[in-house]
Amino acid sequence: LALSEPLKSLLEVMATAEEAKMEGEVAMVSMGSYGGKVKLLSVWEESAAEETMLLWGIQQPTFSKPNAFVSQSSLQLSLDACGQSISILQSPSSLSTPGVTGAVMWDSGVVLAKFLEHAVDSRMLLLQGKNIVELGSGCGLVGVLQQ
């Protein structure tokens, strides 16, 4: 069975953490393209945030393509989420104005919307009757879908 490089890296990090834990030491590991050693806070705790950051770091995020889910140059963006088809109007020309970032959709908004959709569908999260304030994800997709 051939393992992918990110999976091999994850297994190495987990082995290092286990060795350090058994010896009562703090695990220091290399992550992604950073190259330097970082203190590994936890691998075995049941924390989705820690696991996500660990996987993100190992998969070398500096090589990720920005805006992989959306096209900020188009005037209209169509997305399917939460059983709805949504059409978002964008203003790409506004991005040249200093301080203006909410005129286009960002990957973070799409990823957050899909994450929340999955969490609600799997009954891990209940959003009914809740208010959402979305800051820094573009055109407000998450807030629209929550309604």
Protein backbone atom coordinates (compact mmCIF):
# COMPACT_ATOMS: atom_id res chain seq x y z
CA LEU A 1 0.00 0.00 0.00
CA ALA A 2 1.59 3.27 -1.13
CA LEU A 3 1.06 6.26 1.16
CA SER A 4 0.83 9.83 -0.04
CA GLU A 5 3.49 12.28 1.13
CA PRO A 6 1.08 14.24 3.39
CA LEU A 7 -0.04 10.99 5.03
CA LYS A 8 3.57 9.87 5.53
CA SER A 9 4.33 13.25 7.10
CA LEU A 10 1.31 12.99 9.39
CA LEU A 11 2.35 9.51 10.53
CA GLU A 12 5.89 10.76 11.23
CA VAL A 13 4.53 13.68 13.30
CA MET A 14 2.26 11.34 15.24
CA ALA A 15 5.16 8.94 15.94
CA THR A 16 7.35 11.84 17.13
CA ALA A 17 4.55 13.07 19.39
CA GLU A 18 4.01 9.60 20.86
CA GLU A 19 7.75 9.18 21.57
CA ALA A 20 7.91 12.58 23.27
CA LYS A 21 4.77 11.83 25.29
CA MET A 22 6.22 8.54 26.54
CA GLU A 23 9.45 10.29 27.59
CA GLY A 24 7.58 13.21 29.19
CA GLU A 25 9.04 15.70 26.72
CA VAL A 26 7.61 18.32 24.38
CA ALA A 27 7.53 17.26 20.72
CA MET A 28 9.27 19.57 18.25
CA VAL A 29 8.42 18.90 14.58
CA SER A 30 8.91 20.42 11.13
CA MET A 31 5.70 21.36 9.36
CA GLY A 32 5.08 22.05 5.70
CA SER A 33 7.37 24.41 3.85
CA TYR A 34 8.15 26.46 6.98
CA GLY A 35 11.23 24.36 7.60
CA GLY A 36 11.82 25.39 11.22
CA LYS A 37 10.90 23.30 14.22
CA VAL A 38 7.64 24.10 16.00
CA LYS A 39 6.27 22.91 19.33
CA LEU A 40 3.57 20.31 18.81
CA LEU A 41 0.81 21.16 21.26
CA SER A 42 -1.39 18.09 20.88
CA VAL A 43 -2.15 15.31 18.45
CA TRP A 44 -4.30 12.92 20.44
CA GLU A 45 -6.90 15.30 21.87
CA GLU A 46 -10.30 15.33 20.23
CA SER A 47 -9.99 18.78 18.70
CA ALA A 48 -11.09 19.35 15.12
CA ALA A 49 -9.34 22.73 15.05
CA GLU A 50 -6.00 21.22 16.05
CA GLU A 51 -6.34 18.40 13.54
CA THR A 52 -7.26 20.86 10.77
CA MET A 53 -4.26 23.08 11.51
CA LEU A 54 -1.96 20.06 11.66
CA LEU A 55 -3.15 18.77 8.28
CA TRP A 56 -3.03 22.28 6.78
CA GLY A 57 0.55 22.73 7.95
CA ILE A 58 1.72 19.36 6.69
CA GLN A 59 0.23 19.85 3.23
CA GLN A 60 2.38 22.93 2.60
CA PRO A 61 -0.27 25.65 2.29
CA THR A 62 2.20 28.05 0.67
CA PHE A 63 1.86 26.00 -2.51
CA SER A 64 -1.95 26.25 -2.52
CA LYS A 65 -3.61 28.09 -5.37
CA PRO A 66 -5.45 31.17 -4.09
CA ASN A 67 -9.11 31.50 -5.03
CA ALA A 68 -9.45 27.88 -6.11
CA PHE A 69 -13.23 27.89 -5.55
CA VAL A 70 -14.26 31.28 -6.88
CA SER A 71 -13.44 33.62 -9.74
CA GLN A 72 -13.09 37.16 -8.47
CA SER A 73 -12.90 38.53 -11.99
CA SER A 74 -16.46 37.53 -12.94
CA LEU A 75 -19.41 39.83 -12.31
CA GLN A 76 -21.70 37.00 -11.23
CA LEU A 77 -20.95 33.82 -9.33
CA SER A 78 -23.33 30.86 -9.05
CA LEU A 79 -23.03 28.44 -6.13
CA ASP A 80 -25.03 25.51 -4.77
CA ALA A 81 -25.11 25.17 -1.00
CA CYS A 82 -27.60 24.08 1.65
CA GLY A 83 -29.98 22.84 -1.04
CA GLN A 84 -30.15 26.28 -2.65
CA SER A 85 -28.79 27.75 -5.86
CA ILE A 86 -27.35 31.15 -5.09
CA SER A 87 -26.31 33.85 -7.52
CA ILE A 88 -23.84 36.38 -6.10
CA LEU A 89 -23.14 39.67 -7.83
CA GLN A 90 -19.52 40.81 -7.55
CA SER A 91 -17.70 44.05 -8.23
CA PRO A 92 -14.15 43.07 -9.24
CA SER A 93 -13.22 46.67 -10.08
CA SER A 94 -13.80 47.63 -6.43
CA LEU A 95 -10.82 45.53 -5.36
CA SER A 96 -8.51 48.30 -6.60
CA THR A 97 -9.98 50.66 -3.98
CA PRO A 98 -7.87 50.65 -0.79
CA GLY A 99 -9.61 48.88 2.09
CA VAL A 100 -12.40 47.36 -0.01
CA THR A 101 -12.50 43.56 0.19
CA GLY A 102 -16.21 42.73 0.49
CA ALA A 103 -17.08 43.35 -3.14
CA VAL A 104 -16.12 39.84 -4.27
CA MET A 105 -16.47 36.30 -2.96
CA TRP A 106 -13.45 34.76 -1.25
CA ASP A 107 -12.56 31.07 -0.89
CA SER A 108 -12.89 31.42 2.88
CA GLY A 109 -16.61 32.19 2.53
CA VAL A 110 -17.23 29.15 0.33
CA VAL A 111 -15.21 26.85 2.60
CA LEU A 112 -16.96 28.17 5.73
CA ALA A 113 -20.39 27.79 4.10
CA LYS A 114 -19.64 24.20 3.05
CA PHE A 115 -18.22 23.39 6.50
CA LEU A 116 -21.35 24.72 8.22
CA GLU A 117 -23.57 22.91 5.70
CA HIS A 118 -21.84 19.62 6.51
CA ALA A 119 -21.97 20.26 10.28
CA VAL A 120 -25.70 21.02 10.14
CA ASP A 121 -26.48 18.07 7.84
CA SER A 122 -24.60 15.68 10.14
CA ARG A 123 -26.41 17.17 13.17
CA MET A 124 -23.16 18.27 14.80
CA LEU A 125 -24.34 21.88 14.80
CA LEU A 126 -27.73 23.53 15.16
CA LEU A 127 -28.05 26.95 13.51
CA GLN A 128 -31.83 27.26 13.48
CA GLY A 129 -32.82 30.42 15.36
CA LYS A 130 -29.19 31.61 15.55
CA ASN A 131 -27.69 34.81 14.16
CA ILE A 132 -24.41 34.76 12.26
CA VAL A 133 -21.99 37.63 11.87
CA GLU A 134 -19.57 36.95 9.04
CA LEU A 135 -16.48 39.12 8.90
CA GLY A 136 -13.76 38.83 6.30
CA SER A 137 -15.25 36.28 3.91
CA GLY A 138 -16.39 38.53 1.09
CA CYS A 139 -19.98 39.00 -0.05
CA GLY A 140 -21.78 37.46 2.94
CA LEU A 141 -22.50 33.97 1.59
CA VAL A 142 -22.55 32.37 5.05
CA GLY A 143 -25.05 34.90 6.40
CA VAL A 144 -27.28 34.46 3.36
CA LEU A 145 -27.26 30.67 3.63
CA GLN A 146 -27.99 30.76 7.36
CA GLN A 147 -31.30 32.51 6.65
